[in-house]
Amino acid sequence: MLRRVVIGAAAACFMAGTAYAVDEDAGDPACTEQLTKTEELVHDKIESNAVSEETAEKANELLDQADMQCTEGNVADATATLATVQGLVSKP
């Protein structure tokens, strides 16, 4: 029984080691901040049922695209994509 506990504890410690992995560079901090603000806007609109399901899906796809663009350092394209998302969710 003690052997199983020791093996289980060792396995848990081994698996927990991956929690200390360092994330890759997130890209431009200003781009990431703008992305976060736009994500919050979209989330608020979805929570308040101010946008249709189709619009929410399209906005989330564009947010994923903007996230990738920010990560790659393509700030100009990410900014344009985020502007598209803001326009999409701001329509009445």
PDB file of N, CA and C in Angstrom:
ATOM      1  N   MET A   1       0.816  -1.185   0.000  1.00  0.00           N
ATOM      2  CA  MET A   1       0.000   0.000   0.000  1.00  0.00           C
ATOM      3  C   MET A   1       0.866   1.257   0.000  1.00  0.00           C
ATOM      4  N   LEU A   2       1.892   1.269   0.839  1.00  0.00           N
ATOM      5  CA  LEU A   2       2.786   2.422   0.917  1.00  0.00           C
ATOM      6  C   LEU A   2       3.480   2.636  -0.430  1.00  0.00           C
ATOM      7  N   ARG A   3       3.798   1.540  -1.072  1.00  0.00           N
ATOM      8  CA  ARG A   3       4.468   1.635  -2.376  1.00  0.00           C
ATOM      9  C   ARG A   3       3.559   2.346  -3.386  1.00  0.00           C
ATOM     10  N   ARG A   4       2.270   2.034  -3.385  1.00  0.00           N
ATOM     11  CA  ARG A   4       1.327   2.671  -4.304  1.00  0.00           C
ATOM     12  C   ARG A   4       1.211   4.167  -4.017  1.00  0.00           C
ATOM     13  N   VAL A   5       1.209   4.523  -2.745  1.00  0.00           N
ATOM     14  CA  VAL A   5       1.117   5.931  -2.366  1.00  0.00           C
ATOM     15  C   VAL A   5       2.355   6.676  -2.852  1.00  0.00           C
ATOM     16  N   VAL A   6       3.517   6.091  -2.664  1.00  0.00           N
ATOM     17  CA  VAL A   6       4.769   6.728  -3.082  1.00  0.00           C
ATOM     18  C   VAL A   6       4.806   6.869  -4.604  1.00  0.00           C
ATOM     19  N   ILE A   7       4.406   5.843  -5.307  1.00  0.00           N
ATOM     20  CA  ILE A   7       4.385   5.900  -6.772  1.00  0.00           C
ATOM     21  C   ILE A   7       3.377   6.951  -7.239  1.00  0.00           C
ATOM     22  N   GLY A   8       2.217   6.995  -6.612  1.00  0.00           N
ATOM     23  CA  GLY A   8       1.207   8.002  -6.965  1.00  0.00           C
ATOM     24  C   GLY A   8       1.708   9.417  -6.708  1.00  0.00           C
ATOM     25  N   ALA A   9       2.365   9.624  -5.571  1.00  0.00           N
ATOM     26  CA  ALA A   9       2.898  10.949  -5.238  1.00  0.00           C
ATOM     27  C   ALA A   9       3.993  11.347  -6.217  1.00  0.00           C
ATOM     28  N   ALA A  10       4.846  10.404  -6.575  1.00  0.00           N
ATOM     29  CA  ALA A  10       5.916  10.688  -7.530  1.00  0.00           C
ATOM     30  C   ALA A  10       5.341  11.033  -8.895  1.00  0.00           C
ATOM     31  N   ALA A  11       4.328  10.312  -9.314  1.00  0.00           N
ATOM     32  CA  ALA A  11       3.691  10.597 -10.595  1.00  0.00           C
ATOM     33  C   ALA A  11       3.035  11.970 -10.584  1.00  0.00           C
ATOM     34  N   ALA A  12       2.394  12.317  -9.486  1.00  0.00           N
ATOM     35  CA  ALA A  12       1.747  13.629  -9.377  1.00  0.00           C
ATOM     36  C   ALA A  12       2.782  14.747  -9.433  1.00  0.00           C
ATOM     37  N   CYS A  13       3.892  14.574  -8.749  1.00  0.00           N
ATOM     38  CA  CYS A  13       4.961  15.585  -8.789  1.00  0.00           C
ATOM     39  C   CYS A  13       5.545  15.706 -10.186  1.00  0.00           C
ATOM     40  N   PHE A  14       5.719  14.585 -10.847  1.00  0.00           N
ATOM     41  CA  PHE A  14       6.255  14.589 -12.211  1.00  0.00           C
ATOM     42  C   PHE A  14       5.314  15.311 -13.158  1.00  0.00           C
ATOM     43  N   MET A  15       4.024  15.041 -13.051  1.00  0.00           N
ATOM     44  CA  MET A  15       3.042  15.670 -13.924  1.00  0.00           C
ATOM     45  C   MET A  15       2.884  17.155 -13.611  1.00  0.00           C
ATOM     46  N   ALA A  16       3.031  17.550 -12.362  1.00  0.00           N
ATOM     47  CA  ALA A  16       2.867  18.944 -11.974  1.00  0.00           C
ATOM     48  C   ALA A  16       4.025  19.808 -12.463  1.00  0.00           C
ATOM     49  N   GLY A  17       5.124  19.202 -12.817  1.00  0.00           N
ATOM     50  CA  GLY A  17       6.279  19.943 -13.309  1.00  0.00           C
ATOM     51  C   GLY A  17       5.984  20.749 -14.557  1.00  0.00           C
ATOM     52  N   THR A  18       5.029  20.303 -15.359  1.00  0.00           N
ATOM     53  CA  THR A  18       4.706  21.032 -16.579  1.00  0.00           C
ATOM     54  C   THR A  18       3.986  22.341 -16.282  1.00  0.00           C
ATOM     55  N   ALA A  19       3.473  22.492 -15.072  1.00  0.00           N
ATOM     56  CA  ALA A  19       2.780  23.731 -14.709  1.00  0.00           C
ATOM     57  C   ALA A  19       3.755  24.903 -14.625  1.00  0.00           C
ATOM     58  N   TYR A  20       5.027  24.637 -14.536  1.00  0.00           N
ATOM     59  CA  TYR A  20       6.025  25.680 -14.435  1.00  0.00           C
ATOM     60  C   TYR A  20       6.594  26.084 -15.786  1.00  0.00           C
ATOM     61  N   ALA A  21       6.051  25.559 -16.842  1.00  0.00           N
ATOM     62  CA  ALA A  21       6.538  25.905 -18.172  1.00  0.00           C
ATOM     63  C   ALA A  21       6.286  27.383 -18.437  1.00  0.00           C
ATOM     64  N   VAL A  22       7.210  27.994 -19.132  1.00  0.00           N
ATOM     65  CA  VAL A  22       7.107  29.422 -19.440  1.00  0.00           C
ATOM     66  C   VAL A  22       6.346  29.587 -20.744  1.00  0.00           C
ATOM     67  N   ASP A  23       5.369  30.481 -20.727  1.00  0.00           N
ATOM     68  CA  ASP A  23       4.617  30.764 -21.944  1.00  0.00           C
ATOM     69  C   ASP A  23       5.510  31.476 -22.942  1.00  0.00           C
ATOM     70  N   GLU A  24       5.173  31.295 -24.213  1.00  0.00           N
ATOM     71  CA  GLU A  24       5.890  32.015 -25.248  1.00  0.00           C
ATOM     72  C   GLU A  24       5.558  33.490 -25.144  1.00  0.00           C
ATOM     73  N   ASP A  25       6.368  34.304 -25.793  1.00  0.00           N
ATOM     74  CA  ASP A  25       6.118  35.739 -25.812  1.00  0.00           C
ATOM     75  C   ASP A  25       4.743  35.999 -26.393  1.00  0.00           C
ATOM     76  N   ALA A  26       3.943  36.786 -25.706  1.00  0.00           N
ATOM     77  CA  ALA A  26       2.568  37.039 -26.116  1.00  0.00           C
ATOM     78  C   ALA A  26       2.475  38.085 -27.217  1.00  0.00           C
ATOM     79  N   GLY A  27       3.592  38.606 -27.677  1.00  0.00           N
ATOM     80  CA  GLY A  27       3.559  39.610 -28.726  1.00  0.00           C
ATOM     81  C   GLY A  27       3.569  41.002 -28.149  1.00  0.00           C
ATOM     82  N   ASP A  28       3.051  41.938 -28.894  1.00  0.00           N
ATOM     83  CA  ASP A  28       3.039  43.342 -28.508  1.00  0.00           C
ATOM     84  C   ASP A  28       2.072  43.581 -27.354  1.00  0.00           C
ATOM     85  N   PRO A  29       2.529  44.174 -26.245  1.00  0.00           N
ATOM     86  CA  PRO A  29       1.653  44.388 -25.086  1.00  0.00           C
ATOM     87  C   PRO A  29       0.462  45.293 -25.390  1.00  0.00           C
ATOM     88  N   ALA A  30       0.646  46.317 -26.202  1.00  0.00           N
ATOM     89  CA  ALA A  30      -0.467  47.211 -26.541  1.00  0.00           C
ATOM     90  C   ALA A  30      -1.519  46.467 -27.355  1.00  0.00           C
ATOM     91  N   CYS A  31      -1.080  45.610 -28.242  1.00  0.00           N
ATOM     92  CA  CYS A  31      -1.998  44.811 -29.054  1.00  0.00           C
ATOM     93  C   CYS A  31      -2.775  43.850 -28.154  1.00  0.00           C
ATOM     94  N   THR A  32      -2.080  43.237 -27.230  1.00  0.00           N
ATOM     95  CA  THR A  32      -2.714  42.302 -26.308  1.00  0.00           C
ATOM     96  C   THR A  32      -3.735  43.020 -25.426  1.00  0.00           C
ATOM     97  N   GLU A  33      -3.415  44.235 -25.004  1.00  0.00           N
ATOM     98  CA  GLU A  33      -4.348  45.006 -24.184  1.00  0.00           C
ATOM     99  C   GLU A  33      -5.606  45.365 -24.984  1.00  0.00           C
ATOM    100  N   GLN A  34      -5.416  45.771 -26.225  1.00  0.00           N
ATOM    101  CA  GLN A  34      -6.555  46.104 -27.084  1.00  0.00           C
ATOM    102  C   GLN A  34      -7.411  44.857 -27.334  1.00  0.00           C
ATOM    103  N   LEU A  35      -6.759  43.720 -27.524  1.00  0.00           N
ATOM    104  CA  LEU A  35      -7.467  42.456 -27.713  1.00  0.00           C
ATOM    105  C   LEU A  35      -8.304  42.123 -26.479  1.00  0.00           C
ATOM    106  N   THR A  36      -7.737  42.298 -25.311  1.00  0.00           N
ATOM    107  CA  THR A  36      -8.448  42.007 -24.072  1.00  0.00           C
ATOM    108  C   THR A  36      -9.677  42.892 -23.913  1.00  0.00           C
ATOM    109  N   LYS A  37      -9.531  44.170 -24.206  1.00  0.00           N
ATOM    110  CA  LYS A  37     -10.672  45.095 -24.100  1.00  0.00           C
ATOM    111  C   LYS A  37     -11.781  44.708 -25.071  1.00  0.00           C
ATOM    112  N   THR A  38     -11.398  44.328 -26.284  1.00  0.00           N
ATOM    113  CA  THR A  38     -12.401  43.939 -27.273  1.00  0.00           C
ATOM    114  C   THR A  38     -13.075  42.632 -26.870  1.00  0.00           C
ATOM    115  N   GLU A  39     -12.313  41.691 -26.321  1.00  0.00           N
ATOM    116  CA  GLU A  39     -12.900  40.440 -25.843  1.00  0.00           C
ATOM    117  C   GLU A  39     -13.915  40.707 -24.733  1.00  0.00           C
ATOM    118  N   GLU A  40     -13.588  41.638 -23.834  1.00  0.00           N
ATOM    119  CA  GLU A  40     -14.524  41.985 -22.758  1.00  0.00           C
ATOM    120  C   GLU A  40     -15.799  42.606 -23.324  1.00  0.00           C
ATOM    121  N   LEU A  41     -15.654  43.466 -24.334  1.00  0.00           N
ATOM    122  CA  LEU A  41     -16.812  44.077 -24.979  1.00  0.00           C
ATOM    123  C   LEU A  41     -17.713  43.009 -25.586  1.00  0.00           C
ATOM    124  N   VAL A  42     -17.111  42.080 -26.312  1.00  0.00           N
ATOM    125  CA  VAL A  42     -17.876  41.006 -26.941  1.00  0.00           C
ATOM    126  C   VAL A  42     -18.558  40.153 -25.878  1.00  0.00           C
ATOM    127  N   HIS A  43     -17.835  39.827 -24.826  1.00  0.00           N
ATOM    128  CA  HIS A  43     -18.401  39.018 -23.747  1.00  0.00           C
ATOM    129  C   HIS A  43     -19.611  39.717 -23.124  1.00  0.00           C
ATOM    130  N   ASP A  44     -19.466  41.018 -22.877  1.00  0.00           N
ATOM    131  CA  ASP A  44     -20.580  41.780 -22.295  1.00  0.00           C
ATOM    132  C   ASP A  44     -21.796  41.782 -23.213  1.00  0.00           C
ATOM    133  N   LYS A  45     -21.568  41.940 -24.511  1.00  0.00           N
ATOM    134  CA  LYS A  45     -22.670  41.952 -25.473  1.00  0.00           C
ATOM    135  C   LYS A  45     -23.360  40.585 -25.524  1.00  0.00           C
ATOM    136  N   ILE A  46     -22.571  39.529 -25.455  1.00  0.00           N
ATOM    137  CA  ILE A  46     -23.133  38.177 -25.480  1.00  0.00           C
ATOM    138  C   ILE A  46     -23.940  37.922 -24.205  1.00  0.00           C
ATOM    139  N   GLU A  47     -23.379  38.309 -23.067  1.00  0.00           N
ATOM    140  CA  GLU A  47     -24.062  38.095 -21.783  1.00  0.00           C
ATOM    141  C   GLU A  47     -25.381  38.853 -21.695  1.00  0.00           C
ATOM    142  N   SER A  48     -25.433  40.025 -22.315  1.00  0.00           N
ATOM    143  CA  SER A  48     -26.659  40.828 -22.251  1.00  0.00           C
ATOM    144  C   SER A  48     -27.616  40.524 -23.404  1.00  0.00           C
ATOM    145  N   ASN A  49     -27.286  39.495 -24.183  1.00  0.00           N
ATOM    146  CA  ASN A  49     -28.097  39.094 -25.341  1.00  0.00           C
ATOM    147  C   ASN A  49     -28.308  40.238 -26.332  1.00  0.00           C
ATOM    148  N   ALA A  50     -27.298  41.097 -26.474  1.00  0.00           N
ATOM    149  CA  ALA A  50     -27.388  42.240 -27.380  1.00  0.00           C
ATOM    150  C   ALA A  50     -26.990  41.884 -28.806  1.00  0.00           C
ATOM    151  N   VAL A  51     -26.439  40.682 -29.001  1.00  0.00           N
ATOM    152  CA  VAL A  51     -26.051  40.237 -30.340  1.00  0.00           C
ATOM    153  C   VAL A  51     -26.629  38.855 -30.594  1.00  0.00           C
ATOM    154  N   SER A  52     -26.825  38.547 -31.868  1.00  0.00           N
ATOM    155  CA  SER A  52     -27.342  37.230 -32.233  1.00  0.00           C
ATOM    156  C   SER A  52     -26.257  36.174 -32.059  1.00  0.00           C
ATOM    157  N   GLU A  53     -26.668  34.935 -32.088  1.00  0.00           N
ATOM    158  CA  GLU A  53     -25.726  33.826 -31.957  1.00  0.00           C
ATOM    159  C   GLU A  53     -24.748  33.812 -33.118  1.00  0.00           C
ATOM    160  N   GLU A  54     -25.232  34.116 -34.315  1.00  0.00           N
ATOM    161  CA  GLU A  54     -24.372  34.148 -35.502  1.00  0.00           C
ATOM    162  C   GLU A  54     -23.329  35.251 -35.385  1.00  0.00           C
ATOM    163  N   THR A  55     -23.761  36.423 -34.901  1.00  0.00           N
ATOM    164  CA  THR A  55     -22.831  37.540 -34.730  1.00  0.00           C
ATOM    165  C   THR A  55     -21.788  37.202 -33.676  1.00  0.00           C
ATOM    166  N   ALA A  56     -22.221  36.581 -32.595  1.00  0.00           N
ATOM    167  CA  ALA A  56     -21.289  36.188 -31.539  1.00  0.00           C
ATOM    168  C   ALA A  56     -20.263  35.187 -32.062  1.00  0.00           C
ATOM    169  N   GLU A  57     -20.712  34.240 -32.866  1.00  0.00           N
ATOM    170  CA  GLU A  57     -19.804  33.240 -33.431  1.00  0.00           C
ATOM    171  C   GLU A  57     -18.782  33.901 -34.357  1.00  0.00           C
ATOM    172  N   LYS A  58     -19.260  34.800 -35.210  1.00  0.00           N
ATOM    173  CA  LYS A  58     -18.364  35.506 -36.136  1.00  0.00           C
ATOM    174  C   LYS A  58     -17.369  36.365 -35.358  1.00  0.00           C
ATOM    175  N   ALA A  59     -17.848  37.059 -34.311  1.00  0.00           N
ATOM    176  CA  ALA A  59     -16.970  37.893 -33.498  1.00  0.00           C
ATOM    177  C   ALA A  59     -15.891  37.050 -32.821  1.00  0.00           C
ATOM    178  N   ASN A  60     -16.265  35.886 -32.314  1.00  0.00           N
ATOM    179  CA  ASN A  60     -15.282  35.010 -31.669  1.00  0.00           C
ATOM    180  C   ASN A  60     -14.254  34.480 -32.658  1.00  0.00           C
ATOM    181  N   GLU A  61     -14.677  34.184 -33.883  1.00  0.00           N
ATOM    182  CA  GLU A  61     -13.727  33.759 -34.914  1.00  0.00           C
ATOM    183  C   GLU A  61     -12.728  34.875 -35.218  1.00  0.00           C
ATOM    184  N   LEU A  62     -13.252  36.100 -35.331  1.00  0.00           N
ATOM    185  CA  LEU A  62     -12.379  37.239 -35.603  1.00  0.00           C
ATOM    186  C   LEU A  62     -11.447  37.522 -34.422  1.00  0.00           C
ATOM    187  N   LEU A  63     -11.928  37.319 -33.199  1.00  0.00           N
ATOM    188  CA  LEU A  63     -11.071  37.494 -32.028  1.00  0.00           C
ATOM    189  C   LEU A  63      -9.926  36.486 -32.030  1.00  0.00           C
ATOM    190  N   ASP A  64     -10.220  35.254 -32.423  1.00  0.00           N
ATOM    191  CA  ASP A  64      -9.161  34.243 -32.533  1.00  0.00           C
ATOM    192  C   ASP A  64      -8.126  34.662 -33.570  1.00  0.00           C
ATOM    193  N   GLN A  65      -8.617  35.192 -34.684  1.00  0.00           N
ATOM    194  CA  GLN A  65      -7.725  35.651 -35.746  1.00  0.00           C
ATOM    195  C   GLN A  65      -6.859  36.817 -35.244  1.00  0.00           C
ATOM    196  N   ALA A  66      -7.466  37.762 -34.547  1.00  0.00           N
ATOM    197  CA  ALA A  66      -6.723  38.903 -34.011  1.00  0.00           C
ATOM    198  C   ALA A  66      -5.702  38.456 -32.973  1.00  0.00           C
ATOM    199  N   ASP A  67      -6.058  37.471 -32.180  1.00  0.00           N
ATOM    200  CA  ASP A  67      -5.132  36.930 -31.187  1.00  0.00           C
ATOM    201  C   ASP A  67      -3.906  36.357 -31.877  1.00  0.00           C
ATOM    202  N   MET A  68      -4.118  35.611 -32.940  1.00  0.00           N
ATOM    203  CA  MET A  68      -3.011  35.040 -33.689  1.00  0.00           C
ATOM    204  C   MET A  68      -2.148  36.148 -34.299  1.00  0.00           C
ATOM    205  N   GLN A  69      -2.798  37.182 -34.820  1.00  0.00           N
ATOM    206  CA  GLN A  69      -2.067  38.282 -35.420  1.00  0.00           C
ATOM    207  C   GLN A  69      -1.231  39.025 -34.376  1.00  0.00           C
ATOM    208  N   CYS A  70      -1.779  39.233 -33.189  1.00  0.00           N
ATOM    209  CA  CYS A  70      -1.025  39.881 -32.112  1.00  0.00           C
ATOM    210  C   CYS A  70       0.180  39.035 -31.717  1.00  0.00           C
ATOM    211  N   THR A  71      -0.039  37.749 -31.590  1.00  0.00           N
ATOM    212  CA  THR A  71       1.037  36.841 -31.190  1.00  0.00           C
ATOM    213  C   THR A  71       2.164  36.836 -32.218  1.00  0.00           C
ATOM    214  N   GLU A  72       1.788  36.922 -33.483  1.00  0.00           N
ATOM    215  CA  GLU A  72       2.787  36.941 -34.556  1.00  0.00           C
ATOM    216  C   GLU A  72       3.447  38.304 -34.714  1.00  0.00           C
ATOM    217  N   GLY A  73       2.952  39.317 -34.007  1.00  0.00           N
ATOM    218  CA  GLY A  73       3.522  40.652 -34.100  1.00  0.00           C
ATOM    219  C   GLY A  73       2.954  41.483 -35.232  1.00  0.00           C
ATOM    220  N   ASN A  74       1.875  41.023 -35.827  1.00  0.00           N
ATOM    221  CA  ASN A  74       1.240  41.728 -36.934  1.00  0.00           C
ATOM    222  C   ASN A  74       0.183  42.676 -36.363  1.00  0.00           C
ATOM    223  N   VAL A  75       0.656  43.777 -35.776  1.00  0.00           N
ATOM    224  CA  VAL A  75      -0.196  44.689 -35.023  1.00  0.00           C
ATOM    225  C   VAL A  75      -1.198  45.408 -35.923  1.00  0.00           C
ATOM    226  N   ALA A  76      -0.785  45.827 -37.108  1.00  0.00           N
ATOM    227  CA  ALA A  76      -1.674  46.566 -38.005  1.00  0.00           C
ATOM    228  C   ALA A  76      -2.890  45.726 -38.392  1.00  0.00           C
ATOM    229  N   ASP A  77      -2.663  44.478 -38.776  1.00  0.00           N
ATOM    230  CA  ASP A  77      -3.771  43.602 -39.152  1.00  0.00           C
ATOM    231  C   ASP A  77      -4.644  43.272 -37.941  1.00  0.00           C
ATOM    232  N   ALA A  78      -4.020  43.076 -36.790  1.00  0.00           N
ATOM    233  CA  ALA A  78      -4.778  42.778 -35.578  1.00  0.00           C
ATOM    234  C   ALA A  78      -5.676  43.955 -35.205  1.00  0.00           C
ATOM    235  N   THR A  79      -5.151  45.159 -35.329  1.00  0.00           N
ATOM    236  CA  THR A  79      -5.942  46.352 -35.022  1.00  0.00           C
ATOM    237  C   THR A  79      -7.131  46.465 -35.969  1.00  0.00           C
ATOM    238  N   ALA A  80      -6.911  46.189 -37.237  1.00  0.00           N
ATOM    239  CA  ALA A  80      -8.006  46.237 -38.217  1.00  0.00           C
ATOM    240  C   ALA A  80      -9.050  45.167 -37.916  1.00  0.00           C
ATOM    241  N   THR A  81      -8.615  43.982 -37.551  1.00  0.00           N
ATOM    242  CA  THR A  81      -9.542  42.901 -37.220  1.00  0.00           C
ATOM    243  C   THR A  81     -10.353  43.249 -35.982  1.00  0.00           C
ATOM    244  N   LEU A  82      -9.699  43.833 -34.979  1.00  0.00           N
ATOM    245  CA  LEU A  82     -10.406  44.218 -33.758  1.00  0.00           C
ATOM    246  C   LEU A  82     -11.412  45.338 -34.034  1.00  0.00           C
ATOM    247  N   ALA A  83     -11.080  46.239 -34.948  1.00  0.00           N
ATOM    248  CA  ALA A  83     -12.031  47.291 -35.322  1.00  0.00           C
ATOM    249  C   ALA A  83     -13.255  46.682 -35.994  1.00  0.00           C
ATOM    250  N   THR A  84     -13.033  45.651 -36.803  1.00  0.00           N
ATOM    251  CA  THR A  84     -14.142  44.947 -37.440  1.00  0.00           C
ATOM    252  C   THR A  84     -15.040  44.297 -36.394  1.00  0.00           C
ATOM    253  N   VAL A  85     -14.426  43.684 -35.390  1.00  0.00           N
ATOM    254  CA  VAL A  85     -15.199  43.040 -34.320  1.00  0.00           C
ATOM    255  C   VAL A  85     -16.015  44.081 -33.558  1.00  0.00           C
ATOM    256  N   GLN A  86     -15.402  45.197 -33.228  1.00  0.00           N
ATOM    257  CA  GLN A  86     -16.120  46.245 -32.495  1.00  0.00           C
ATOM    258  C   GLN A  86     -17.290  46.771 -33.303  1.00  0.00           C
ATOM    259  N   GLY A  87     -17.098  46.961 -34.603  1.00  0.00           N
ATOM    260  CA  GLY A  87     -18.201  47.406 -35.452  1.00  0.00           C
ATOM    261  C   GLY A  87     -19.304  46.373 -35.532  1.00  0.00           C
ATOM    262  N   LEU A  88     -18.901  45.098 -35.564  1.00  0.00           N
ATOM    263  CA  LEU A  88     -19.866  44.008 -35.681  1.00  0.00           C
ATOM    264  C   LEU A  88     -20.773  43.940 -34.464  1.00  0.00           C
ATOM    265  N   VAL A  89     -20.205  44.047 -33.279  1.00  0.00           N
ATOM    266  CA  VAL A  89     -21.014  43.911 -32.062  1.00  0.00           C
ATOM    267  C   VAL A  89     -21.690  45.220 -31.664  1.00  0.00           C
ATOM    268  N   SER A  90     -21.302  46.319 -32.263  1.00  0.00           N
ATOM    269  CA  SER A  90     -21.905  47.612 -31.926  1.00  0.00           C
ATOM    270  C   SER A  90     -23.136  47.920 -32.775  1.00  0.00           C
ATOM    271  N   LYS A  91     -23.379  47.121 -33.808  1.00  0.00           N
ATOM    272  CA  LYS A  91     -24.551  47.338 -34.654  1.00  0.00           C
ATOM    273  C   LYS A  91     -25.807  47.055 -33.837  1.00  0.00           C
ATOM    274  N   PRO A  92     -26.853  47.848 -34.054  1.00  0.00           N
ATOM    275  CA  PRO A  92     -28.104  47.622 -33.311  1.00  0.00           C
ATOM    276  C   PRO A  92     -28.812  46.353 -33.705  1.00  0.00           C
TER     277      PRO A  92
END
